[in-house]
Protein backbone atom coordinates (compact mmCIF):
# COMPACT_ATOMS: atom_id res chain seq x y z
CA MET A 1 0.00 0.00 0.00
CA LYS A 2 3.03 2.21 -0.17
CA SER A 3 2.80 2.82 -3.87
CA LYS A 4 0.78 5.68 -5.33
CA LYS A 5 -1.29 3.16 -7.28
CA HIS A 6 -2.37 1.33 -4.12
CA LEU A 7 -3.13 4.54 -2.25
CA GLU A 8 -5.27 5.82 -5.14
CA LEU A 9 -7.17 2.49 -5.23
CA ALA A 10 -7.79 2.64 -1.47
CA ARG A 11 -9.01 6.24 -1.76
CA ARG A 12 -11.44 5.34 -4.58
CA LEU A 13 -12.80 2.30 -2.65
CA THR A 14 -13.37 4.47 0.43
CA LEU A 15 -15.23 7.09 -1.57
CA ARG A 16 -17.31 4.45 -3.39
CA ARG A 17 -18.54 3.02 -0.07
CA GLY A 18 -20.37 6.30 0.67
CA VAL A 19 -22.21 6.43 -2.66
CA PRO A 20 -25.84 5.23 -2.39
CA ASN A 21 -27.17 2.51 -4.65
CA ALA A 22 -28.94 3.54 -7.80
CA PRO A 23 -32.70 4.14 -7.22
CA SER A 24 -35.04 1.23 -7.93
CA ALA A 25 -38.70 0.29 -7.47
CA LYS A 26 -40.47 -2.98 -6.87
CA GLU A 27 -44.10 -4.04 -6.52
CA VAL A 28 -45.33 -4.42 -2.93
CA PRO A 29 -48.39 -6.65 -2.49
CA THR A 30 -51.10 -5.14 -0.27
CA GLU A 31 -53.84 -6.78 1.74
CA VAL A 32 -57.13 -5.13 2.69
CA ARG A 33 -58.87 -6.49 5.78
CA SER A 34 -62.39 -5.76 6.93
CA ASN A 35 -61.58 -5.88 10.67
CA SER A 36 -64.43 -8.38 11.03
CA PHE A 37 -66.98 -5.69 10.13
CA VAL A 38 -69.61 -6.94 7.73
CA ALA A 39 -71.23 -4.10 5.85
CA ILE A 40 -74.98 -4.47 5.47
CA GLU A 41 -76.36 -2.89 2.35
CA GLU A 42 -79.19 -0.43 2.71
CA PRO A 43 -82.65 -1.82 2.01
CA PRO A 44 -83.90 -1.27 -1.52
CA ALA A 45 -86.12 1.74 -2.19
CA VAL A 46 -89.48 0.16 -1.37
CA ASP A 47 -92.52 1.85 0.15
CA THR A 48 -92.58 0.57 3.74
CA SER A 49 -94.78 3.31 5.18
CA TYR A 50 -97.23 0.62 6.34
CA ALA A 51 -94.66 -0.74 8.82
CA VAL A 52 -93.59 0.42 12.28
CA GLY A 53 -90.07 0.75 10.87
CA ASN A 54 -87.62 -1.06 8.63
CA VAL A 55 -85.70 -2.11 11.75
CA VAL A 56 -87.43 -2.44 15.12
CA VAL A 57 -85.66 -2.85 18.45
CA GLU A 58 -87.61 -4.32 21.35
CA TRP A 59 -86.58 -4.15 25.00
CA THR A 60 -88.55 -6.64 27.13
CA TYR A 61 -88.28 -6.37 30.92
CA ARG A 62 -90.22 -6.75 34.14
CA VAL A 63 -90.70 -4.00 36.70
CA PRO A 64 -91.43 -5.00 40.30
CA PRO A 65 -95.06 -4.22 41.24
CA GLU A 66 -93.95 -1.78 43.94
CA GLU A 67 -92.23 0.30 41.20
CA PHE A 68 -95.16 0.29 38.74
CA ARG A 69 -96.54 3.68 39.78
CA GLY A 70 -93.14 5.36 39.65
CA PHE A 71 -92.37 3.79 36.28
CA THR A 72 -95.67 4.75 34.66
CA ALA A 73 -95.34 8.29 36.10
CA PHE A 74 -91.83 8.50 34.59
CA LEU A 75 -93.26 7.45 31.20
CA ALA A 76 -96.11 9.98 31.43
CA ASP A 77 -93.62 12.76 32.18
CA ASN A 78 -90.94 11.85 29.62
CA GLU A 79 -92.27 9.94 26.60
CA ALA A 80 -93.34 13.04 24.63
CA MET A 81 -89.90 14.61 25.24
CA ILE A 82 -88.13 11.39 24.12
CA VAL A 83 -90.17 11.35 20.90
CA ALA A 84 -89.46 15.02 20.19
CA SER A 85 -85.75 14.67 20.99
CA CYS A 86 -85.38 11.68 18.65
CA GLY A 87 -86.90 13.82 15.89
CA LYS A 88 -84.56 16.74 16.60
CA LEU A 89 -81.31 14.88 17.26
CA MET A 90 -81.51 11.86 14.95
CA GLU A 91 -82.92 11.48 11.47
CA GLY A 92 -84.81 8.21 10.97
CA VAL A 93 -84.78 7.13 14.65
CA HIS A 94 -88.17 6.86 16.36
CA TYR A 95 -89.35 6.05 19.88
CA ARG A 96 -92.56 4.02 19.44
CA GLY A 97 -93.56 3.76 23.10
CA THR A 98 -93.48 1.42 26.07
CA PHE A 99 -96.31 -1.07 26.48
CA LEU A 100 -97.54 -3.25 29.34
CA VAL A 101 -97.94 -6.83 28.15
CA THR A 102 -99.92 -9.37 30.16
CA ASP A 103 -99.69 -13.07 29.45
CA LEU A 104 -100.89 -15.87 31.78
CA GLY A 105 -100.53 -13.69 34.85
CA ARG A 106 -97.09 -12.44 33.86
CA PHE A 107 -96.67 -8.67 33.58
CA GLU A 108 -93.84 -7.25 31.53
CA PHE A 109 -93.02 -4.05 29.69
CA ARG A 110 -91.85 -3.72 26.12
CA THR A 111 -90.18 -0.61 24.78
CA TYR A 112 -89.98 -0.16 21.01
CA TRP A 113 -87.57 1.86 18.87
CA ALA A 114 -87.78 2.01 15.08
CA TYR A 115 -85.14 2.87 12.49
CA ASP A 116 -85.61 3.81 8.86
CA THR A 117 -82.31 2.09 7.94
CA HIS A 118 -79.53 0.11 9.65
CA ALA A 119 -77.22 3.11 9.37
CA THR A 120 -79.47 5.40 11.44
CA GLU A 121 -78.57 3.46 14.62
CA LYS A 122 -75.10 5.03 14.48
CA GLN A 123 -76.58 8.43 15.39
CA TRP A 124 -77.02 7.42 19.04
CA ASP A 125 -73.39 8.27 19.83
CA LYS A 126 -73.95 11.92 18.96
CA ALA A 127 -77.45 12.15 20.44
CA LEU A 128 -76.30 10.79 23.81
CA GLY A 129 -72.99 12.69 23.73
CA ASN A 130 -74.16 15.17 26.38
CA ALA A 131 -74.85 12.95 29.39
CA ASN A 132 -76.44 15.89 31.24
CA SER A 133 -79.12 16.57 28.63
CA ASN A 134 -82.74 15.82 29.54
CA PHE A 135 -82.89 13.35 26.64
CA ALA A 136 -79.79 11.38 27.70
CA GLN A 137 -80.95 11.28 31.33
CA ALA A 138 -84.45 10.10 30.36
CA VAL A 139 -83.10 7.36 28.08
CA ALA A 140 -80.63 6.31 30.80
CA GLN A 141 -83.46 6.08 33.35
CA LEU A 142 -85.63 4.11 30.93
CA ARG A 143 -82.74 1.74 30.21
CA SER A 144 -82.05 1.38 33.96
CA TYR A 145 -85.41 -0.37 34.38
CA TRP A 146 -84.33 -2.83 31.68
CA LEU A 147 -80.93 -3.30 33.35
CA LYS A 148 -82.49 -4.17 36.73
CA ASP A 149 -84.25 -7.23 35.26
CA PRO A 150 -81.80 -10.16 34.99
CA ASN A 151 -84.15 -11.84 32.48
CA ALA A 152 -84.55 -8.80 30.22
CA SER A 153 -84.11 -9.22 26.47
CA HIS A 154 -83.09 -6.93 23.64
CA ARG A 155 -84.19 -7.97 20.16
CA HIS A 156 -83.55 -6.56 16.69
CA MET A 157 -86.26 -7.18 14.10
CA VAL A 158 -85.85 -6.43 10.40
CA LEU A 159 -88.79 -6.02 8.06
CA ALA A 160 -88.92 -9.41 6.31
CA SER A 161 -90.02 -8.03 2.94
CA LEU A 162 -86.66 -6.23 2.69
CA LEU A 163 -84.62 -9.42 3.05
CA ASP A 164 -83.03 -10.71 -0.11
CA ASP A 165 -79.70 -12.24 -1.14
CA LYS A 166 -77.96 -8.88 -0.73
CA THR A 167 -79.17 -8.11 2.80
CA MET A 168 -79.47 -11.47 4.58
CA GLY A 169 -75.78 -12.18 5.11
CA ALA A 170 -73.77 -15.31 4.38
CA PHE A 171 -74.70 -17.33 7.47
CA PHE A 172 -78.43 -16.73 7.03
CA LYS A 173 -78.21 -17.78 3.37
CA PHE A 174 -76.18 -20.83 4.39
CA THR A 175 -78.90 -21.77 6.90
CA LEU A 176 -81.65 -21.42 4.29
CA ASN A 177 -79.68 -23.51 1.77
CA THR A 178 -79.11 -26.22 4.41
CA ALA A 179 -82.81 -26.24 5.31
CA GLU A 180 -83.78 -26.54 1.64
CA GLY A 181 -81.27 -29.39 1.27
CA LEU A 182 -82.78 -31.24 4.24
CA SER A 183 -86.24 -30.94 2.71
CA GLY A 184 -85.03 -32.54 -0.52
CA ARG A 185 -85.34 -29.28 -2.40
CA ALA A 186 -82.22 -28.03 -4.15
CA PRO A 187 -80.74 -24.92 -2.49
CA ALA A 188 -81.50 -21.63 -4.24
CA ALA A 189 -77.86 -21.25 -5.39
CA ALA A 190 -77.98 -24.69 -7.09
CA ARG A 191 -81.33 -23.90 -8.72
CA LYS A 192 -79.89 -20.67 -10.17
CA LYS A 193 -76.88 -22.54 -11.59
CA GLY A 194 -79.18 -25.14 -13.14
CA LYS A 195 -81.07 -22.43 -15.03
CA LYS A 196 -77.96 -21.25 -16.87
């Protein structure tokens, strides 16, 4: 390394080490995941004005007899405000009332909410955002009666005439196809293929 030739070579190698590689590009495969969220398509544009709502939510619960008077007084004082607040704060969300249901000596209450579409349910976050509002406090008190009953139920009902292959979901379609197969009838998917 004493010769000028060797020193020049060493200098060039040292300088070359600091030079970045020439720019290049390569294709990077991407993967899109749904995060387990299954999007439900909006119901088709059909006149459903005859129905309570396209989606109906039912809370079923029992109130102890000693709380009946307080509960019915709460409803008398707050139901009109709940209806009006739903109309002001949420488009397509409706309070349809709380009913006393009697069956074989059993007394229970059922509260009904109706939605014009599945998407309208998402408006609750904003409507209940102010926990100190009269509306939020009234809904919280109404729900507290439901919470006190260990046998309470909460059911979602969808207008059956709106169900089709686009809105039912894969598992529901699978169940129908299995049921048709058990009955000896070809599943709908197989019948469609046979027509082609």
